[in-house]
Amino acid sequence: MLYGANPTPYRTVVHEAALHMRVGGRSVARAQLQHLLDMSEPEHITIRVLPFGVGAFPGSGQSINYLHGPCRSSTPRNWTSSL
């Protein structure tokens, strides 16, 4: 889906807090951040960081997914999830 002749565009937003969480120590955190940088290299993949400074925002504390198909007639789908 993300690679090949006609890759699917992928856009995501990661909260800055997620980038500060350390699981497995500094070397693991460094490897995870490098992986995000590597994954964002292709033009069809966009990773944005939502900074702490934005304060509260709609959807705080939950995951929001927005999917749509390759043709204009497909109906977009949204769903949220939280722990």
N, C-alpha and C. Protein backbone atom coordinates (compact mmCIF):
# COMPACT_ATOMS: atom_id res chain seq x y z
N MET A 1 0.81 -1.19 0.00
CA MET A 1 0.00 0.00 0.00
C MET A 1 0.85 1.27 0.00
N LEU A 2 1.88 1.32 0.82
CA LEU A 2 2.67 2.54 0.92
C LEU A 2 3.81 2.60 -0.08
N TYR A 3 4.12 1.48 -0.70
CA TYR A 3 5.24 1.45 -1.63
C TYR A 3 4.82 0.76 -2.91
N GLY A 4 5.60 0.91 -3.95
CA GLY A 4 5.29 0.31 -5.23
C GLY A 4 5.04 1.37 -6.28
N ALA A 5 4.47 0.94 -7.40
CA ALA A 5 4.27 1.83 -8.55
C ALA A 5 3.28 2.95 -8.26
N ASN A 6 2.22 2.66 -7.52
CA ASN A 6 1.19 3.66 -7.25
C ASN A 6 0.87 3.66 -5.75
N PRO A 7 1.77 4.20 -4.91
CA PRO A 7 1.57 4.11 -3.46
C PRO A 7 0.41 4.98 -2.98
N THR A 8 -0.22 4.52 -1.93
CA THR A 8 -1.32 5.25 -1.31
C THR A 8 -0.78 6.43 -0.50
N PRO A 9 -1.32 7.63 -0.69
CA PRO A 9 -0.88 8.76 0.15
C PRO A 9 -1.20 8.47 1.61
N TYR A 10 -0.29 8.83 2.49
CA TYR A 10 -0.48 8.61 3.92
C TYR A 10 -0.10 9.88 4.66
N ARG A 11 -1.03 10.37 5.48
CA ARG A 11 -0.78 11.57 6.28
C ARG A 11 -1.17 11.26 7.72
N THR A 12 -0.33 11.67 8.65
CA THR A 12 -0.63 11.43 10.05
C THR A 12 -0.14 12.61 10.89
N VAL A 13 -0.75 12.75 12.05
CA VAL A 13 -0.35 13.77 13.02
C VAL A 13 0.00 13.04 14.31
N VAL A 14 1.17 13.35 14.85
CA VAL A 14 1.63 12.76 16.10
C VAL A 14 1.78 13.89 17.11
N HIS A 15 1.22 13.69 18.30
CA HIS A 15 1.37 14.72 19.33
C HIS A 15 2.80 14.71 19.84
N GLU A 16 3.32 15.89 20.12
CA GLU A 16 4.69 16.03 20.61
C GLU A 16 4.94 15.17 21.85
N ALA A 17 3.92 14.98 22.68
CA ALA A 17 4.07 14.17 23.89
C ALA A 17 4.52 12.75 23.55
N ALA A 18 4.01 12.21 22.45
CA ALA A 18 4.38 10.85 22.06
C ALA A 18 5.86 10.75 21.72
N LEU A 19 6.44 11.83 21.24
CA LEU A 19 7.85 11.82 20.88
C LEU A 19 8.76 11.92 22.10
N HIS A 20 8.22 12.35 23.23
CA HIS A 20 9.00 12.47 24.46
C HIS A 20 8.92 11.23 25.34
N MET A 21 8.02 10.32 25.06
CA MET A 21 7.89 9.10 25.87
C MET A 21 9.05 8.17 25.57
N ARG A 22 9.73 7.73 26.61
CA ARG A 22 10.85 6.82 26.42
C ARG A 22 10.44 5.42 26.85
N VAL A 23 10.51 4.53 25.93
CA VAL A 23 10.24 3.12 26.21
C VAL A 23 11.46 2.36 25.72
N GLY A 24 12.22 1.78 26.63
CA GLY A 24 13.38 1.00 26.23
C GLY A 24 14.69 1.76 26.24
N GLY A 25 14.71 2.98 26.71
CA GLY A 25 15.96 3.72 26.82
C GLY A 25 16.23 4.64 25.65
N ARG A 26 17.37 5.36 25.76
CA ARG A 26 17.73 6.37 24.77
C ARG A 26 17.98 5.79 23.39
N SER A 27 18.63 4.65 23.33
CA SER A 27 18.95 4.07 22.01
C SER A 27 17.68 3.64 21.27
N VAL A 28 16.72 3.13 22.01
CA VAL A 28 15.45 2.73 21.40
C VAL A 28 14.69 3.97 20.92
N ALA A 29 14.65 5.02 21.76
CA ALA A 29 13.98 6.27 21.37
C ALA A 29 14.64 6.86 20.13
N ARG A 30 15.96 6.84 20.09
CA ARG A 30 16.69 7.37 18.93
C ARG A 30 16.34 6.58 17.68
N ALA A 31 16.30 5.26 17.80
CA ALA A 31 15.97 4.40 16.65
C ALA A 31 14.53 4.64 16.18
N GLN A 32 13.61 4.83 17.12
CA GLN A 32 12.21 5.08 16.75
C GLN A 32 12.07 6.42 16.02
N LEU A 33 12.74 7.45 16.51
CA LEU A 33 12.68 8.76 15.85
C LEU A 33 13.32 8.69 14.46
N GLN A 34 14.42 7.97 14.35
CA GLN A 34 15.06 7.81 13.04
C GLN A 34 14.14 7.08 12.08
N HIS A 35 13.41 6.09 12.59
CA HIS A 35 12.45 5.35 11.76
C HIS A 35 11.37 6.29 11.23
N LEU A 36 10.84 7.17 12.08
CA LEU A 36 9.84 8.14 11.63
C LEU A 36 10.41 9.05 10.55
N LEU A 37 11.64 9.51 10.74
CA LEU A 37 12.27 10.34 9.72
C LEU A 37 12.43 9.58 8.40
N ASP A 38 12.88 8.34 8.49
CA ASP A 38 13.06 7.53 7.28
C ASP A 38 11.73 7.28 6.58
N MET A 39 10.68 7.01 7.37
CA MET A 39 9.36 6.74 6.79
C MET A 39 8.78 7.97 6.10
N SER A 40 9.18 9.16 6.55
CA SER A 40 8.61 10.38 5.97
C SER A 40 9.38 10.87 4.74
N GLU A 41 10.40 10.15 4.32
CA GLU A 41 11.19 10.54 3.14
C GLU A 41 10.37 10.57 1.85
N PRO A 42 9.59 9.52 1.53
CA PRO A 42 8.84 9.54 0.27
C PRO A 42 7.83 10.70 0.25
N GLU A 43 7.62 11.27 -0.93
CA GLU A 43 6.72 12.43 -1.07
C GLU A 43 5.28 12.14 -0.68
N HIS A 44 4.84 10.89 -0.80
CA HIS A 44 3.44 10.55 -0.53
C HIS A 44 3.18 10.29 0.96
N ILE A 45 4.21 10.38 1.79
CA ILE A 45 4.05 10.16 3.23
C ILE A 45 4.35 11.46 3.97
N THR A 46 3.39 11.90 4.79
CA THR A 46 3.54 13.14 5.56
C THR A 46 3.31 12.83 7.03
N ILE A 47 4.28 13.19 7.86
CA ILE A 47 4.15 13.06 9.31
C ILE A 47 4.28 14.45 9.90
N ARG A 48 3.23 14.90 10.58
CA ARG A 48 3.24 16.22 11.22
C ARG A 48 3.25 16.03 12.72
N VAL A 49 3.83 17.00 13.41
CA VAL A 49 3.88 16.97 14.87
C VAL A 49 3.00 18.08 15.41
N LEU A 50 2.07 17.71 16.29
CA LEU A 50 1.21 18.68 16.96
C LEU A 50 1.94 19.13 18.22
N PRO A 51 2.38 20.39 18.30
CA PRO A 51 3.19 20.84 19.43
C PRO A 51 2.39 21.02 20.72
N PHE A 52 3.10 20.93 21.84
CA PHE A 52 2.48 21.15 23.15
C PHE A 52 1.76 22.49 23.19
N GLY A 53 2.31 23.50 22.54
CA GLY A 53 1.79 24.86 22.60
C GLY A 53 0.38 25.06 22.10
N VAL A 54 -0.20 24.09 21.39
CA VAL A 54 -1.56 24.29 20.88
C VAL A 54 -2.60 24.19 21.98
N GLY A 55 -2.22 23.63 23.12
CA GLY A 55 -3.17 23.50 24.22
C GLY A 55 -4.23 22.45 23.92
N ALA A 56 -5.41 22.61 24.54
CA ALA A 56 -6.49 21.65 24.33
C ALA A 56 -7.03 21.79 22.91
N PHE A 57 -7.45 20.68 22.35
CA PHE A 57 -7.99 20.67 20.99
C PHE A 57 -9.05 19.59 20.89
N PRO A 58 -9.98 19.71 19.94
CA PRO A 58 -11.00 18.68 19.77
C PRO A 58 -10.32 17.34 19.50
N GLY A 59 -10.75 16.33 20.21
CA GLY A 59 -10.16 15.01 20.03
C GLY A 59 -9.03 14.71 20.99
N SER A 60 -8.75 15.62 21.93
CA SER A 60 -7.70 15.35 22.90
C SER A 60 -8.00 14.04 23.63
N GLY A 61 -6.99 13.21 23.77
CA GLY A 61 -7.15 11.97 24.52
C GLY A 61 -7.72 10.82 23.72
N GLN A 62 -7.86 10.96 22.42
CA GLN A 62 -8.38 9.86 21.62
C GLN A 62 -7.74 9.85 20.25
N SER A 63 -7.85 8.72 19.61
CA SER A 63 -7.36 8.57 18.25
C SER A 63 -8.50 8.88 17.28
N ILE A 64 -8.22 9.67 16.26
CA ILE A 64 -9.22 9.98 15.24
C ILE A 64 -8.67 9.50 13.90
N ASN A 65 -9.43 8.67 13.23
CA ASN A 65 -9.02 8.14 11.93
C ASN A 65 -9.97 8.64 10.86
N TYR A 66 -9.42 9.09 9.75
CA TYR A 66 -10.20 9.58 8.63
C TYR A 66 -9.71 8.84 7.40
N LEU A 67 -10.58 8.09 6.78
CA LEU A 67 -10.21 7.31 5.60
C LEU A 67 -11.10 7.68 4.44
N HIS A 68 -10.52 7.71 3.26
CA HIS A 68 -11.32 7.90 2.06
C HIS A 68 -10.69 7.11 0.94
N GLY A 69 -11.50 6.75 -0.02
CA GLY A 69 -11.06 5.91 -1.12
C GLY A 69 -10.41 6.70 -2.24
N PRO A 70 -9.94 5.99 -3.26
CA PRO A 70 -9.21 6.62 -4.35
C PRO A 70 -10.07 7.41 -5.34
N CYS A 71 -11.38 7.22 -5.31
CA CYS A 71 -12.22 7.94 -6.28
C CYS A 71 -13.11 8.94 -5.54
N ARG A 72 -13.51 9.98 -6.24
CA ARG A 72 -14.30 11.05 -5.63
C ARG A 72 -15.67 10.57 -5.14
N SER A 73 -16.18 9.51 -5.72
CA SER A 73 -17.52 9.05 -5.33
C SER A 73 -17.50 8.23 -4.04
N SER A 74 -16.32 7.85 -3.56
CA SER A 74 -16.27 7.06 -2.33
C SER A 74 -16.59 7.97 -1.14
N THR A 75 -17.32 7.44 -0.19
CA THR A 75 -17.74 8.20 0.98
C THR A 75 -16.65 8.15 2.04
N PRO A 76 -16.19 9.31 2.54
CA PRO A 76 -15.19 9.31 3.61
C PRO A 76 -15.73 8.64 4.86
N ARG A 77 -14.87 8.00 5.61
CA ARG A 77 -15.24 7.34 6.86
C ARG A 77 -14.41 7.93 7.99
N ASN A 78 -15.04 8.16 9.12
CA ASN A 78 -14.36 8.67 10.31
C ASN A 78 -14.71 7.78 11.48
N TRP A 79 -13.76 7.61 12.38
CA TRP A 79 -14.08 6.98 13.64
C TRP A 79 -13.08 7.43 14.69
N THR A 80 -13.50 7.35 15.94
CA THR A 80 -12.62 7.72 17.05
C THR A 80 -12.50 6.54 17.98
N SER A 81 -11.43 6.53 18.72
CA SER A 81 -11.25 5.50 19.74
C SER A 81 -10.48 6.12 20.89
N SER A 82 -10.71 5.64 22.08
CA SER A 82 -9.99 6.14 23.24
C SER A 82 -9.83 5.01 24.24
N LEU A 83 -8.87 5.17 25.12
CA LEU A 83 -8.62 4.15 26.15
C LEU A 83 -9.38 4.46 27.39
